[in-house]
Amino acid sequence: MNTFFNILSKNLDRITRENQGSYLLILGEVKGKKIAICTKKGEHSIYAKITLEELLSSLDCREVEYNPHGLYVFAETEEELAEKTISKITRVIEASFKTT
């Protein structure tokens, strides 16, 4: 998932990552909002769950998957996943401003 992380690092501020077994947790900041991204390689695709860190009770990716907040992204390559993730991060942030 290095390619995915490297592409995201060009678009997010204060980015960091943590391996969580079969998951990769990425934390970053965009427009002053802290974002959590959990990624995993599935059998047929790679996917990510994007949500605002403030809406999470835990940064454990297994729990993030079941959190009702956020958006999923599915792709076949890390490059495609990064492109779609960047697009959906904007949607997650815009939705948070509408509810505050």
PDB file of N, CA and C in Angstrom:
ATOM      1  N   MET A   1       0.811  -1.193   0.000  1.00  0.00           N
ATOM      2  CA  MET A   1       0.000   0.000   0.000  1.00  0.00           C
ATOM      3  C   MET A   1       0.862   1.267   0.000  1.00  0.00           C
ATOM      4  N   ASN A   2       2.128   1.123  -0.338  1.00  0.00           N
ATOM      5  CA  ASN A   2       3.023   2.275  -0.368  1.00  0.00           C
ATOM      6  C   ASN A   2       2.629   3.290  -1.433  1.00  0.00           C
ATOM      7  N   THR A   3       2.227   2.808  -2.597  1.00  0.00           N
ATOM      8  CA  THR A   3       1.827   3.722  -3.676  1.00  0.00           C
ATOM      9  C   THR A   3       0.620   4.544  -3.241  1.00  0.00           C
ATOM     10  N   PHE A   4      -0.367   3.882  -2.664  1.00  0.00           N
ATOM     11  CA  PHE A   4      -1.565   4.547  -2.167  1.00  0.00           C
ATOM     12  C   PHE A   4      -1.191   5.627  -1.154  1.00  0.00           C
ATOM     13  N   PHE A   5      -0.372   5.275  -0.173  1.00  0.00           N
ATOM     14  CA  PHE A   5       0.045   6.220   0.861  1.00  0.00           C
ATOM     15  C   PHE A   5       0.811   7.392   0.258  1.00  0.00           C
ATOM     16  N   ASN A   6       1.719   7.125  -0.666  1.00  0.00           N
ATOM     17  CA  ASN A   6       2.521   8.190  -1.269  1.00  0.00           C
ATOM     18  C   ASN A   6       1.664   9.185  -2.040  1.00  0.00           C
ATOM     19  N   ILE A   7       0.666   8.694  -2.751  1.00  0.00           N
ATOM     20  CA  ILE A   7      -0.227   9.600  -3.486  1.00  0.00           C
ATOM     21  C   ILE A   7      -1.043  10.433  -2.501  1.00  0.00           C
ATOM     22  N   LEU A   8      -1.569   9.796  -1.462  1.00  0.00           N
ATOM     23  CA  LEU A   8      -2.345  10.541  -0.466  1.00  0.00           C
ATOM     24  C   LEU A   8      -1.492  11.586   0.248  1.00  0.00           C
ATOM     25  N   SER A   9      -0.232  11.267   0.487  1.00  0.00           N
ATOM     26  CA  SER A   9       0.641  12.188   1.226  1.00  0.00           C
ATOM     27  C   SER A   9       0.844  13.503   0.486  1.00  0.00           C
ATOM     28  N   LYS A  10       0.607  13.510  -0.805  1.00  0.00           N
ATOM     29  CA  LYS A  10       0.712  14.743  -1.596  1.00  0.00           C
ATOM     30  C   LYS A  10      -0.558  15.587  -1.492  1.00  0.00           C
ATOM     31  N   ASN A  11      -1.629  15.011  -0.961  1.00  0.00           N
ATOM     32  CA  ASN A  11      -2.923  15.691  -0.912  1.00  0.00           C
ATOM     33  C   ASN A  11      -3.455  15.919   0.500  1.00  0.00           C
ATOM     34  N   LEU A  12      -2.854  15.298   1.498  1.00  0.00           N
ATOM     35  CA  LEU A  12      -3.282  15.454   2.882  1.00  0.00           C
ATOM     36  C   LEU A  12      -2.162  16.088   3.684  1.00  0.00           C
ATOM     37  N   ASP A  13      -2.544  16.839   4.705  1.00  0.00           N
ATOM     38  CA  ASP A  13      -1.568  17.421   5.617  1.00  0.00           C
ATOM     39  C   ASP A  13      -1.378  16.491   6.803  1.00  0.00           C
ATOM     40  N   ARG A  14      -0.212  16.548   7.420  1.00  0.00           N
ATOM     41  CA  ARG A  14       0.073  15.791   8.649  1.00  0.00           C
ATOM     42  C   ARG A  14      -0.367  14.339   8.543  1.00  0.00           C
ATOM     43  N   ILE A  15       0.100  13.654   7.565  1.00  0.00           N
ATOM     44  CA  ILE A  15      -0.326  12.275   7.306  1.00  0.00           C
ATOM     45  C   ILE A  15       0.588  11.279   8.020  1.00  0.00           C
ATOM     46  N   THR A  16      -0.028  10.240   8.542  1.00  0.00           N
ATOM     47  CA  THR A  16       0.713   9.158   9.189  1.00  0.00           C
ATOM     48  C   THR A  16      -0.027   7.853   8.926  1.00  0.00           C
ATOM     49  N   ARG A  17       0.647   6.736   9.171  1.00  0.00           N
ATOM     50  CA  ARG A  17       0.004   5.435   8.936  1.00  0.00           C
ATOM     51  C   ARG A  17       0.391   4.453  10.029  1.00  0.00           C
ATOM     52  N   GLU A  18      -0.477   3.438  10.165  1.00  0.00           N
ATOM     53  CA  GLU A  18      -0.236   2.387  11.147  1.00  0.00           C
ATOM     54  C   GLU A  18      -0.759   1.077  10.577  1.00  0.00           C
ATOM     55  N   ASN A  19       0.079   0.067  10.563  1.00  0.00           N
ATOM     56  CA  ASN A  19      -0.368  -1.263  10.149  1.00  0.00           C
ATOM     57  C   ASN A  19      -1.172  -1.883  11.278  1.00  0.00           C
ATOM     58  N   GLN A  20      -2.336  -2.430  10.923  1.00  0.00           N
ATOM     59  CA  GLN A  20      -3.203  -3.100  11.894  1.00  0.00           C
ATOM     60  C   GLN A  20      -3.558  -4.484  11.352  1.00  0.00           C
ATOM     61  N   GLY A  21      -2.582  -5.345  11.307  1.00  0.00           N
ATOM     62  CA  GLY A  21      -2.799  -6.684  10.763  1.00  0.00           C
ATOM     63  C   GLY A  21      -3.055  -6.611   9.272  1.00  0.00           C
ATOM     64  N   SER A  22      -4.229  -7.014   8.832  1.00  0.00           N
ATOM     65  CA  SER A  22      -4.546  -6.985   7.401  1.00  0.00           C
ATOM     66  C   SER A  22      -5.024  -5.602   6.948  1.00  0.00           C
ATOM     67  N   TYR A  23      -5.157  -4.667   7.867  1.00  0.00           N
ATOM     68  CA  TYR A  23      -5.598  -3.304   7.556  1.00  0.00           C
ATOM     69  C   TYR A  23      -4.428  -2.329   7.612  1.00  0.00           C
ATOM     70  N   LEU A  24      -4.616  -1.192   6.939  1.00  0.00           N
ATOM     71  CA  LEU A  24      -3.698  -0.067   7.059  1.00  0.00           C
ATOM     72  C   LEU A  24      -4.535   1.139   7.451  1.00  0.00           C
ATOM     73  N   LEU A  25      -4.225   1.746   8.591  1.00  0.00           N
ATOM     74  CA  LEU A  25      -4.898   2.955   9.047  1.00  0.00           C
ATOM     75  C   LEU A  25      -4.065   4.150   8.622  1.00  0.00           C
ATOM     76  N   ILE A  26      -4.702   5.109   7.966  1.00  0.00           N
ATOM     77  CA  ILE A  26      -4.040   6.351   7.572  1.00  0.00           C
ATOM     78  C   ILE A  26      -4.796   7.494   8.222  1.00  0.00           C
ATOM     79  N   LEU A  27      -4.057   8.353   8.906  1.00  0.00           N
ATOM     80  CA  LEU A  27      -4.634   9.546   9.507  1.00  0.00           C
ATOM     81  C   LEU A  27      -4.025  10.763   8.837  1.00  0.00           C
ATOM     82  N   GLY A  28      -4.869  11.707   8.497  1.00  0.00           N
ATOM     83  CA  GLY A  28      -4.392  12.922   7.858  1.00  0.00           C
ATOM     84  C   GLY A  28      -5.331  14.070   8.141  1.00  0.00           C
ATOM     85  N   GLU A  29      -4.969  15.227   7.616  1.00  0.00           N
ATOM     86  CA  GLU A  29      -5.779  16.422   7.827  1.00  0.00           C
ATOM     87  C   GLU A  29      -5.997  17.116   6.495  1.00  0.00           C
ATOM     88  N   VAL A  30      -7.246  17.548   6.274  1.00  0.00           N
ATOM     89  CA  VAL A  30      -7.608  18.285   5.065  1.00  0.00           C
ATOM     90  C   VAL A  30      -8.540  19.417   5.484  1.00  0.00           C
ATOM     91  N   LYS A  31      -8.198  20.636   5.115  1.00  0.00           N
ATOM     92  CA  LYS A  31      -9.027  21.813   5.434  1.00  0.00           C
ATOM     93  C   LYS A  31      -9.334  21.893   6.930  1.00  0.00           C
ATOM     94  N   GLY A  32      -8.358  21.527   7.750  1.00  0.00           N
ATOM     95  CA  GLY A  32      -8.526  21.597   9.186  1.00  0.00           C
ATOM     96  C   GLY A  32      -9.319  20.456   9.800  1.00  0.00           C
ATOM     97  N   LYS A  33      -9.774  19.515   8.991  1.00  0.00           N
ATOM     98  CA  LYS A  33     -10.535  18.364   9.474  1.00  0.00           C
ATOM     99  C   LYS A  33      -9.637  17.137   9.498  1.00  0.00           C
ATOM    100  N   LYS A  34      -9.671  16.397  10.603  1.00  0.00           N
ATOM    101  CA  LYS A  34      -8.881  15.170  10.718  1.00  0.00           C
ATOM    102  C   LYS A  34      -9.659  14.013  10.101  1.00  0.00           C
ATOM    103  N   ILE A  35      -9.006  13.312   9.200  1.00  0.00           N
ATOM    104  CA  ILE A  35      -9.598  12.224   8.438  1.00  0.00           C
ATOM    105  C   ILE A  35      -8.950  10.906   8.839  1.00  0.00           C
ATOM    106  N   ALA A  36      -9.765   9.861   8.962  1.00  0.00           N
ATOM    107  CA  ALA A  36      -9.265   8.499   9.182  1.00  0.00           C
ATOM    108  C   ALA A  36      -9.637   7.665   7.965  1.00  0.00           C
ATOM    109  N   ILE A  37      -8.667   6.935   7.449  1.00  0.00           N
ATOM    110  CA  ILE A  37      -8.876   6.072   6.288  1.00  0.00           C
ATOM    111  C   ILE A  37      -8.362   4.685   6.635  1.00  0.00           C
ATOM    112  N   CYS A  38      -9.250   3.707   6.584  1.00  0.00           N
ATOM    113  CA  CYS A  38      -8.844   2.316   6.798  1.00  0.00           C
ATOM    114  C   CYS A  38      -8.887   1.600   5.460  1.00  0.00           C
ATOM    115  N   THR A  39      -7.804   0.942   5.107  1.00  0.00           N
ATOM    116  CA  THR A  39      -7.724   0.245   3.830  1.00  0.00           C
ATOM    117  C   THR A  39      -7.434  -1.235   4.047  1.00  0.00           C
ATOM    118  N   LYS A  40      -7.868  -2.012   3.072  1.00  0.00           N
ATOM    119  CA  LYS A  40      -7.619  -3.446   3.121  1.00  0.00           C
ATOM    120  C   LYS A  40      -7.651  -3.995   1.701  1.00  0.00           C
ATOM    121  N   LYS A  41      -6.766  -4.939   1.436  1.00  0.00           N
ATOM    122  CA  LYS A  41      -6.785  -5.643   0.156  1.00  0.00           C
ATOM    123  C   LYS A  41      -7.699  -6.847   0.300  1.00  0.00           C
ATOM    124  N   GLY A  42      -8.755  -6.853  -0.507  1.00  0.00           N
ATOM    125  CA  GLY A  42      -9.670  -7.980  -0.505  1.00  0.00           C
ATOM    126  C   GLY A  42      -9.235  -9.007  -1.546  1.00  0.00           C
ATOM    127  N   GLU A  43     -10.054  -9.992  -1.742  1.00  0.00           N
ATOM    128  CA  GLU A  43      -9.735 -11.045  -2.700  1.00  0.00           C
ATOM    129  C   GLU A  43      -9.747 -10.536  -4.140  1.00  0.00           C
ATOM    130  N   HIS A  44     -10.678  -9.618  -4.441  1.00  0.00           N
ATOM    131  CA  HIS A  44     -10.829  -9.143  -5.813  1.00  0.00           C
ATOM    132  C   HIS A  44     -10.595  -7.650  -5.986  1.00  0.00           C
ATOM    133  N   SER A  45     -10.433  -6.926  -4.896  1.00  0.00           N
ATOM    134  CA  SER A  45     -10.236  -5.484  -4.995  1.00  0.00           C
ATOM    135  C   SER A  45      -9.577  -4.954  -3.726  1.00  0.00           C
ATOM    136  N   ILE A  46      -9.277  -3.671  -3.766  1.00  0.00           N
ATOM    137  CA  ILE A  46      -8.758  -2.962  -2.606  1.00  0.00           C
ATOM    138  C   ILE A  46      -9.872  -2.014  -2.183  1.00  0.00           C
ATOM    139  N   TYR A  47     -10.061  -1.854  -0.886  1.00  0.00           N
ATOM    140  CA  TYR A  47     -11.087  -0.909  -0.480  1.00  0.00           C
ATOM    141  C   TYR A  47     -10.623  -0.059   0.684  1.00  0.00           C
ATOM    142  N   ALA A  48     -11.313   1.068   0.846  1.00  0.00           N
ATOM    143  CA  ALA A  48     -11.010   1.991   1.931  1.00  0.00           C
ATOM    144  C   ALA A  48     -12.311   2.511   2.516  1.00  0.00           C
ATOM    145  N   LYS A  49     -12.290   2.795   3.796  1.00  0.00           N
ATOM    146  CA  LYS A  49     -13.399   3.462   4.475  1.00  0.00           C
ATOM    147  C   LYS A  49     -12.858   4.790   4.961  1.00  0.00           C
ATOM    148  N   ILE A  50     -13.533   5.872   4.583  1.00  0.00           N
ATOM    149  CA  ILE A  50     -13.105   7.225   4.922  1.00  0.00           C
ATOM    150  C   ILE A  50     -14.120   7.829   5.882  1.00  0.00           C
ATOM    151  N   THR A  51     -13.641   8.386   6.972  1.00  0.00           N
ATOM    152  CA  THR A  51     -14.544   9.058   7.906  1.00  0.00           C
ATOM    153  C   THR A  51     -13.782  10.143   8.661  1.00  0.00           C
ATOM    154  N   LEU A  52     -14.528  11.013   9.301  1.00  0.00           N
ATOM    155  CA  LEU A  52     -13.909  12.027  10.143  1.00  0.00           C
ATOM    156  C   LEU A  52     -13.486  11.385  11.460  1.00  0.00           C
ATOM    157  N   GLU A  53     -12.284  11.690  11.880  1.00  0.00           N
ATOM    158  CA  GLU A  53     -11.768  11.105  13.116  1.00  0.00           C
ATOM    159  C   GLU A  53     -12.659  11.451  14.309  1.00  0.00           C
ATOM    160  N   GLU A  54     -13.236  12.639  14.318  1.00  0.00           N
ATOM    161  CA  GLU A  54     -14.060  13.076  15.451  1.00  0.00           C
ATOM    162  C   GLU A  54     -15.337  12.240  15.626  1.00  0.00           C
ATOM    163  N   LEU A  55     -15.739  11.504  14.600  1.00  0.00           N
ATOM    164  CA  LEU A  55     -16.942  10.682  14.675  1.00  0.00           C
ATOM    165  C   LEU A  55     -16.667   9.251  15.131  1.00  0.00           C
ATOM    166  N   LEU A  56     -15.411   8.955  15.431  1.00  0.00           N
ATOM    167  CA  LEU A  56     -15.014   7.597  15.802  1.00  0.00           C
ATOM    168  C   LEU A  56     -14.797   7.476  17.305  1.00  0.00           C
ATOM    169  N   SER A  57     -15.162   6.335  17.846  1.00  0.00           N
ATOM    170  CA  SER A  57     -14.874   6.067  19.254  1.00  0.00           C
ATOM    171  C   SER A  57     -13.549   5.319  19.401  1.00  0.00           C
ATOM    172  N   SER A  58     -13.047   4.794  18.275  1.00  0.00           N
ATOM    173  CA  SER A  58     -11.812   4.017  18.274  1.00  0.00           C
ATOM    174  C   SER A  58     -11.145   4.147  16.909  1.00  0.00           C
ATOM    175  N   LEU A  59      -9.837   4.035  16.885  1.00  0.00           N
ATOM    176  CA  LEU A  59      -9.102   4.038  15.617  1.00  0.00           C
ATOM    177  C   LEU A  59      -8.738   2.628  15.177  1.00  0.00           C
ATOM    178  N   ASP A  60      -9.439   1.650  15.676  1.00  0.00           N
ATOM    179  CA  ASP A  60      -9.260   0.268  15.262  1.00  0.00           C
ATOM    180  C   ASP A  60     -10.053   0.078  13.966  1.00  0.00           C
ATOM    181  N   CYS A  61      -9.376  -0.300  12.900  1.00  0.00           N
ATOM    182  CA  CYS A  61     -10.027  -0.400  11.588  1.00  0.00           C
ATOM    183  C   CYS A  61     -11.201  -1.370  11.572  1.00  0.00           C
ATOM    184  N   ARG A  62     -11.147  -2.417  12.360  1.00  0.00           N
ATOM    185  CA  ARG A  62     -12.287  -3.343  12.406  1.00  0.00           C
ATOM    186  C   ARG A  62     -13.536  -2.638  12.917  1.00  0.00           C
ATOM    187  N   GLU A  63     -13.357  -1.711  13.840  1.00  0.00           N
ATOM    188  CA  GLU A  63     -14.487  -0.944  14.350  1.00  0.00           C
ATOM    189  C   GLU A  63     -14.895   0.168  13.389  1.00  0.00           C
ATOM    190  N   VAL A  64     -13.922   0.770  12.716  1.00  0.00           N
ATOM    191  CA  VAL A  64     -14.215   1.835  11.749  1.00  0.00           C
ATOM    192  C   VAL A  64     -15.111   1.304  10.635  1.00  0.00           C
ATOM    193  N   GLU A  65     -14.863   0.075  10.199  1.00  0.00           N
ATOM    194  CA  GLU A  65     -15.681  -0.520   9.139  1.00  0.00           C
ATOM    195  C   GLU A  65     -17.160  -0.539   9.493  1.00  0.00           C
ATOM    196  N   TYR A  66     -17.474  -0.753  10.754  1.00  0.00           N
ATOM    197  CA  TYR A  66     -18.867  -0.870  11.176  1.00  0.00           C
ATOM    198  C   TYR A  66     -19.465   0.443  11.670  1.00  0.00           C
ATOM    199  N   ASN A  67     -18.666   1.500  11.707  1.00  0.00           N
ATOM    200  CA  ASN A  67     -19.164   2.807  12.092  1.00  0.00           C
ATOM    201  C   ASN A  67     -20.106   3.313  10.996  1.00  0.00           C
ATOM    202  N   PRO A  68     -21.270   3.857  11.354  1.00  0.00           N
ATOM    203  CA  PRO A  68     -22.229   4.273  10.326  1.00  0.00           C
ATOM    204  C   PRO A  68     -21.819   5.517   9.554  1.00  0.00           C
ATOM    205  N   HIS A  69     -20.801   6.220  10.003  1.00  0.00           N
ATOM    206  CA  HIS A  69     -20.364   7.441   9.337  1.00  0.00           C
ATOM    207  C   HIS A  69     -19.256   7.149   8.332  1.00  0.00           C
ATOM    208  N   GLY A  70     -19.257   7.876   7.234  1.00  0.00           N
ATOM    209  CA  GLY A  70     -18.177   7.757   6.267  1.00  0.00           C
ATOM    210  C   GLY A  70     -18.606   7.138   4.955  1.00  0.00           C
ATOM    211  N   LEU A  71     -17.648   7.034   4.070  1.00  0.00           N
ATOM    212  CA  LEU A  71     -17.878   6.506   2.730  1.00  0.00           C
ATOM    213  C   LEU A  71     -16.856   5.421   2.405  1.00  0.00           C
ATOM    214  N   TYR A  72     -17.293   4.462   1.599  1.00  0.00           N
ATOM    215  CA  TYR A  72     -16.393   3.408   1.114  1.00  0.00           C
ATOM    216  C   TYR A  72     -15.907   3.737  -0.291  1.00  0.00           C
ATOM    217  N   VAL A  73     -14.726   3.226  -0.604  1.00  0.00           N
ATOM    218  CA  VAL A  73     -14.140   3.338  -1.934  1.00  0.00           C
ATOM    219  C   VAL A  73     -13.639   1.952  -2.322  1.00  0.00           C
ATOM    220  N   PHE A  74     -13.928   1.541  -3.550  1.00  0.00           N
ATOM    221  CA  PHE A  74     -13.446   0.252  -4.063  1.00  0.00           C
ATOM    222  C   PHE A  74     -12.672   0.491  -5.344  1.00  0.00           C
ATOM    223  N   ALA A  75     -11.574  -0.236  -5.526  1.00  0.00           N
ATOM    224  CA  ALA A  75     -10.750  -0.081  -6.716  1.00  0.00           C
ATOM    225  C   ALA A  75      -9.954  -1.359  -6.968  1.00  0.00           C
ATOM    226  N   GLU A  76      -9.374  -1.421  -8.149  1.00  0.00           N
ATOM    227  CA  GLU A  76      -8.543  -2.576  -8.501  1.00  0.00           C
ATOM    228  C   GLU A  76      -7.058  -2.316  -8.302  1.00  0.00           C
ATOM    229  N   THR A  77      -6.653  -1.034  -8.328  1.00  0.00           N
ATOM    230  CA  THR A  77      -5.239  -0.688  -8.152  1.00  0.00           C
ATOM    231  C   THR A  77      -5.103   0.365  -7.053  1.00  0.00           C
ATOM    232  N   GLU A  78      -3.917   0.491  -6.515  1.00  0.00           N
ATOM    233  CA  GLU A  78      -3.655   1.504  -5.496  1.00  0.00           C
ATOM    234  C   GLU A  78      -3.810   2.906  -6.055  1.00  0.00           C
ATOM    235  N   GLU A  79      -3.412   3.105  -7.299  1.00  0.00           N
ATOM    236  CA  GLU A  79      -3.543   4.415  -7.933  1.00  0.00           C
ATOM    237  C   GLU A  79      -5.011   4.814  -8.057  1.00  0.00           C
ATOM    238  N   GLU A  80      -5.834   3.881  -8.514  1.00  0.00           N
ATOM    239  CA  GLU A  80      -7.265   4.140  -8.653  1.00  0.00           C
ATOM    240  C   GLU A  80      -7.898   4.398  -7.285  1.00  0.00           C
ATOM    241  N   LEU A  81      -7.493   3.621  -6.289  1.00  0.00           N
ATOM    242  CA  LEU A  81      -8.015   3.794  -4.940  1.00  0.00           C
ATOM    243  C   LEU A  81      -7.665   5.186  -4.409  1.00  0.00           C
ATOM    244  N   ALA A  82      -6.444   5.627  -4.631  1.00  0.00           N
ATOM    245  CA  ALA A  82      -6.020   6.953  -4.165  1.00  0.00           C
ATOM    246  C   ALA A  82      -6.838   8.055  -4.832  1.00  0.00           C
ATOM    247  N   GLU A  83      -7.025   7.965  -6.135  1.00  0.00           N
ATOM    248  CA  GLU A  83      -7.790   8.968  -6.873  1.00  0.00           C
ATOM    249  C   GLU A  83      -9.226   9.059  -6.343  1.00  0.00           C
ATOM    250  N   LYS A  84      -9.871   7.927  -6.173  1.00  0.00           N
ATOM    251  CA  LYS A  84     -11.252   7.902  -5.680  1.00  0.00           C
ATOM    252  C   LYS A  84     -11.321   8.358  -4.220  1.00  0.00           C
ATOM    253  N   THR A  85     -10.328   7.989  -3.434  1.00  0.00           N
ATOM    254  CA  THR A  85     -10.305   8.374  -2.019  1.00  0.00           C
ATOM    255  C   THR A  85     -10.202   9.884  -1.883  1.00  0.00           C
ATOM    256  N   ILE A  86      -9.329  10.503  -2.643  1.00  0.00           N
ATOM    257  CA  ILE A  86      -9.158  11.962  -2.593  1.00  0.00           C
ATOM    258  C   ILE A  86     -10.473  12.651  -2.941  1.00  0.00           C
ATOM    259  N   SER A  87     -11.162  12.148  -3.936  1.00  0.00           N
ATOM    260  CA  SER A  87     -12.452  12.711  -4.331  1.00  0.00           C
ATOM    261  C   SER A  87     -13.489  12.577  -3.214  1.00  0.00           C
ATOM    262  N   LYS A  88     -13.537  11.428  -2.591  1.00  0.00           N
ATOM    263  CA  LYS A  88     -14.537  11.200  -1.546  1.00  0.00           C
ATOM    264  C   LYS A  88     -14.193  11.904  -0.233  1.00  0.00           C
ATOM    265  N   ILE A  89     -12.918  12.157   0.021  1.00  0.00           N
ATOM    266  CA  ILE A  89     -12.540  12.929   1.210  1.00  0.00           C
ATOM    267  C   ILE A  89     -13.221  14.287   1.158  1.00  0.00           C
ATOM    268  N   THR A  90     -13.219  14.899   0.000  1.00  0.00           N
ATOM    269  CA  THR A  90     -13.872  16.199  -0.186  1.00  0.00           C
ATOM    270  C   THR A  90     -15.356  16.100   0.159  1.00  0.00           C
ATOM    271  N   ARG A  91     -16.009  15.035  -0.261  1.00  0.00           N
ATOM    272  CA  ARG A  91     -17.434  14.847   0.034  1.00  0.00           C
ATOM    273  C   ARG A  91     -17.673  14.648   1.524  1.00  0.00           C
ATOM    274  N   VAL A  92     -16.799  13.909   2.190  1.00  0.00           N
ATOM    275  CA  VAL A  92     -16.942  13.688   3.632  1.00  0.00           C
ATOM    276  C   VAL A  92     -16.802  15.022   4.375  1.00  0.00           C
ATOM    277  N   ILE A  93     -15.851  15.822   3.974  1.00  0.00           N
ATOM    278  CA  ILE A  93     -15.633  17.131   4.633  1.00  0.00           C
ATOM    279  C   ILE A  93     -16.810  18.059   4.366  1.00  0.00           C
ATOM    280  N   GLU A  94     -17.273  18.127   3.120  1.00  0.00           N
ATOM    281  CA  GLU A  94     -18.397  19.004   2.784  1.00  0.00           C
ATOM    282  C   GLU A  94     -19.651  18.603   3.566  1.00  0.00           C
ATOM    283  N   ALA A  95     -19.879  17.322   3.724  1.00  0.00           N
ATOM    284  CA  ALA A  95     -21.046  16.847   4.480  1.00  0.00           C
ATOM    285  C   ALA A  95     -20.924  17.261   5.951  1.00  0.00           C
ATOM    286  N   SER A  96     -19.704  17.276   6.486  1.00  0.00           N
ATOM    287  CA  SER A  96     -19.538  17.646   7.895  1.00  0.00           C
ATOM    288  C   SER A  96     -19.845  19.126   8.112  1.00  0.00           C
ATOM    289  N   PHE A  97     -19.559  19.969   7.142  1.00  0.00           N
ATOM    290  CA  PHE A  97     -19.854  21.390   7.279  1.00  0.00           C
ATOM    291  C   PHE A  97     -21.342  21.661   7.196  1.00  0.00           C
ATOM    292  N   LYS A  98     -22.074  20.810   6.477  1.00  0.00           N
ATOM    293  CA  LYS A  98     -23.523  20.985   6.353  1.00  0.00           C
ATOM    294  C   LYS A  98     -24.252  20.608   7.636  1.00  0.00           C
ATOM    295  N   THR A  99     -23.649  19.731   8.431  1.00  0.00           N
ATOM    296  CA  THR A  99     -24.312  19.277   9.661  1.00  0.00           C
ATOM    297  C   THR A  99     -23.867  20.060  10.889  1.00  0.00           C
ATOM    298  N   THR A 100     -22.890  20.940  10.734  1.00  0.00           N
ATOM    299  CA  THR A 100     -22.435  21.716  11.902  1.00  0.00           C
ATOM    300  C   THR A 100     -22.980  23.110  11.882  1.00  0.00           C
TER     301      THR A 100
END
